[in-house]
């Protein structure tokens, strides 16, 4: 059975962007609970961010939410892509769009971040990572480029040969060996 590229791309992109939007909603919610004066004190400091989430009893829910999104994106890519290389490419794409979708959603919903040097939480699980926005954008571009290269390298169509019961790529290899 041949994989449908359009379905793979659309599903992967939609899953990543939807997870980014959900993630942004959580961020907005946290910013309502935690006073702005507290956020200002943590700018770029991983230990202070983690302590702040712990102080407001939000650390476990933030970590659980993040793990749930990772698992959801992994599950979607396992279901939608049949070949392991395509699964990796789909997973990298969805993670990239999750992070990019979060930043875009935050920008359009609450006008944040104001610039690329603002700090944001990349992850609180398994370790806390607070980085400048430009780092997250670089992370997204790197994952997208890696996904593109994986798809480009694995884009040789594999079509079942009805008569021989093998794939065309295998039969070509056999012909080369016989020569």
Protein backbone atom coordinates (compact mmCIF):
# COMPACT_ATOMS: atom_id res chain seq x y z
CA UNK A 1 0.00 0.00 0.00
CA UNK A 2 1.43 3.34 -1.04
CA UNK A 3 1.46 6.16 1.49
CA UNK A 4 -0.39 9.36 0.75
CA UNK A 5 2.06 12.26 1.06
CA UNK A 6 -0.67 14.89 1.23
CA UNK A 7 -2.43 13.14 4.09
CA UNK A 8 0.84 12.72 5.96
CA UNK A 9 1.81 16.38 5.59
CA UNK A 10 -1.64 17.80 6.38
CA UNK A 11 -2.18 15.58 9.43
CA UNK A 12 1.31 16.17 10.80
CA UNK A 13 1.11 19.94 10.33
CA UNK A 14 -2.39 20.18 11.78
CA UNK A 15 -1.44 18.10 14.82
CA UNK A 16 1.63 20.24 15.51
CA UNK A 17 -0.21 23.55 15.13
CA UNK A 18 -3.18 22.41 17.25
CA UNK A 19 -0.81 21.27 20.02
CA UNK A 20 0.95 24.63 19.79
CA UNK A 21 -2.35 26.45 20.23
CA UNK A 22 -3.29 24.28 23.23
CA UNK A 23 0.16 24.89 24.71
CA UNK A 24 -0.29 28.66 24.26
CA UNK A 25 -3.63 28.51 26.09
CA UNK A 26 -1.89 26.87 29.06
CA UNK A 27 0.77 29.58 29.00
CA UNK A 28 -1.89 32.29 29.04
CA UNK A 29 -3.61 30.52 31.93
CA UNK A 30 -0.32 30.33 33.89
CA UNK A 31 0.33 34.00 33.27
CA UNK A 32 -3.08 34.80 34.79
CA UNK A 33 -2.35 32.75 37.90
CA UNK A 34 1.23 33.90 38.45
CA UNK A 35 1.59 37.67 38.93
CA UNK A 36 3.58 39.58 36.28
CA UNK A 37 6.01 40.82 38.92
CA UNK A 38 6.97 37.18 39.63
CA UNK A 39 7.57 36.45 35.92
CA UNK A 40 9.86 39.46 35.58
CA UNK A 41 12.16 38.11 38.29
CA UNK A 42 12.70 34.83 36.44
CA UNK A 43 13.81 36.21 33.07
CA UNK A 44 16.17 33.60 31.67
CA UNK A 45 16.75 31.79 34.97
CA UNK A 46 15.82 28.11 34.80
CA UNK A 47 16.02 27.50 38.56
CA UNK A 48 13.74 30.46 39.34
CA UNK A 49 11.18 29.43 36.69
CA UNK A 50 10.99 25.90 38.09
CA UNK A 51 10.70 27.26 41.65
CA UNK A 52 7.95 29.64 40.54
CA UNK A 53 5.91 26.80 38.99
CA UNK A 54 6.52 24.73 42.11
CA UNK A 55 5.43 27.60 44.39
CA UNK A 56 2.06 27.85 42.60
CA UNK A 57 1.65 24.03 42.45
CA UNK A 58 1.81 24.11 38.65
CA UNK A 59 5.04 22.22 38.01
CA UNK A 60 3.50 18.75 37.90
CA UNK A 61 0.62 19.85 35.64
CA UNK A 62 3.00 21.63 33.25
CA UNK A 63 5.26 18.58 33.09
CA UNK A 64 2.27 16.25 32.60
CA UNK A 65 0.89 18.48 29.84
CA UNK A 66 4.21 18.49 28.05
CA UNK A 67 4.62 14.71 28.27
CA UNK A 68 1.04 14.28 27.03
CA UNK A 69 1.74 16.44 23.96
CA UNK A 70 4.95 14.53 23.19
CA UNK A 71 3.06 11.23 23.43
CA UNK A 72 0.13 12.51 21.37
CA UNK A 73 2.42 13.69 18.56
CA UNK A 74 4.34 10.41 18.67
CA UNK A 75 1.12 8.41 18.51
CA UNK A 76 -0.21 10.43 15.57
CA UNK A 77 3.01 9.93 13.61
CA UNK A 78 3.07 6.19 14.31
CA UNK A 79 -0.52 5.89 13.07
CA UNK A 80 -0.18 8.13 10.02
CA UNK A 81 3.25 7.10 8.66
CA UNK A 82 4.02 3.51 7.69
CA UNK A 83 7.79 3.66 7.15
CA UNK A 84 10.14 4.39 10.05
CA UNK A 85 12.00 7.19 8.22
CA UNK A 86 8.71 8.87 7.36
CA UNK A 87 7.62 8.50 10.98
CA UNK A 88 10.75 10.34 12.11
CA UNK A 89 10.18 13.07 9.55
CA UNK A 90 6.53 13.43 10.55
CA UNK A 91 7.44 13.52 14.25
CA UNK A 92 10.13 16.16 13.76
CA UNK A 93 7.73 18.26 11.68
CA UNK A 94 4.94 18.03 14.25
CA UNK A 95 7.27 18.95 17.13
CA UNK A 96 8.65 21.87 15.13
CA UNK A 97 5.17 23.16 14.36
CA UNK A 98 4.08 22.60 17.96
CA UNK A 99 6.76 25.00 19.20
CA UNK A 100 6.28 27.46 16.32
CA UNK A 101 2.49 27.29 16.68
CA UNK A 102 2.80 28.07 20.37
CA UNK A 103 4.87 31.19 19.70
CA UNK A 104 2.55 32.37 16.91
CA UNK A 105 -0.54 31.78 19.06
CA UNK A 106 0.96 33.69 21.98
CA UNK A 107 1.93 36.54 19.68
CA UNK A 108 -1.56 36.85 18.20
CA UNK A 109 -3.46 36.25 21.46
CA UNK A 110 -1.47 38.29 23.99
CA UNK A 111 1.09 40.15 21.88
CA UNK A 112 4.00 38.22 23.34
CA UNK A 113 6.92 37.75 22.73
CA UNK A 114 7.81 41.32 21.87
CA UNK A 115 11.22 40.43 20.40
CA UNK A 116 13.49 37.51 19.62
CA UNK A 117 15.65 38.06 22.69
CA UNK A 118 12.77 37.54 25.16
CA UNK A 119 13.12 34.37 27.19
CA UNK A 120 10.67 31.50 27.14
CA UNK A 121 10.39 28.02 28.59
CA UNK A 122 11.44 25.49 25.98
CA UNK A 123 10.68 22.60 28.29
CA UNK A 124 10.15 21.75 31.94
CA UNK A 125 10.43 18.01 31.37
CA UNK A 126 12.66 16.14 31.98
CA UNK A 127 14.83 19.17 32.71
CA UNK A 128 13.89 22.82 32.81
CA UNK A 129 15.14 24.79 29.81
CA UNK A 130 14.67 28.54 29.55
CA UNK A 131 16.02 29.99 26.31
CA UNK A 132 15.72 33.10 24.15
CA UNK A 133 12.95 33.04 21.51
CA UNK A 134 15.50 33.00 18.69
CA UNK A 135 16.75 29.65 20.03
CA UNK A 136 13.26 28.16 19.80
CA UNK A 137 12.94 29.45 16.24
CA UNK A 138 16.32 27.92 15.37
CA UNK A 139 15.17 24.65 16.98
CA UNK A 140 12.03 24.70 14.78
CA UNK A 141 14.02 25.43 11.62
CA UNK A 142 16.54 22.69 12.41
CA UNK A 143 13.81 20.10 13.02
CA UNK A 144 11.98 21.15 9.85
CA UNK A 145 15.17 20.91 7.77
CA UNK A 146 15.97 17.49 9.26
CA UNK A 147 12.45 16.28 8.45
CA UNK A 148 12.75 17.57 4.89
CA UNK A 149 16.07 15.79 4.37
CA UNK A 150 14.72 12.55 5.80
CA UNK A 151 11.68 12.69 3.50
CA UNK A 152 13.81 13.60 0.50
CA UNK A 153 16.14 10.65 1.09
CA UNK A 154 13.30 8.19 1.68
CA UNK A 155 11.16 9.39 -1.22
CA UNK A 156 11.87 6.42 -3.47
CA UNK A 157 8.47 4.92 -4.18
CA UNK A 158 8.06 1.33 -3.08
CA UNK A 159 5.37 -0.36 -5.17
CA UNK A 160 4.46 -4.00 -4.75
CA UNK A 161 5.23 -6.19 -7.76
CA UNK A 162 2.10 -8.34 -8.16
CA UNK A 163 3.79 -11.19 -9.98
CA UNK A 164 7.02 -11.62 -8.07
CA UNK A 165 5.65 -10.77 -4.61
CA UNK A 166 8.48 -8.35 -3.93
CA UNK A 167 9.07 -4.64 -4.13
CA UNK A 168 10.52 -3.01 -7.25
CA UNK A 169 13.54 -1.77 -5.39
CA UNK A 170 14.36 -5.34 -4.30
CA UNK A 171 13.92 -6.72 -7.81
CA UNK A 172 16.26 -4.00 -9.19
CA UNK A 173 18.90 -5.06 -6.67
CA UNK A 174 18.55 -8.69 -7.77
CA UNK A 175 18.93 -7.72 -11.43
CA UNK A 176 22.09 -5.78 -10.64
CA UNK A 177 23.51 -8.77 -8.78
CA UNK A 178 22.78 -11.09 -11.72
CA UNK A 179 24.68 -8.88 -14.19
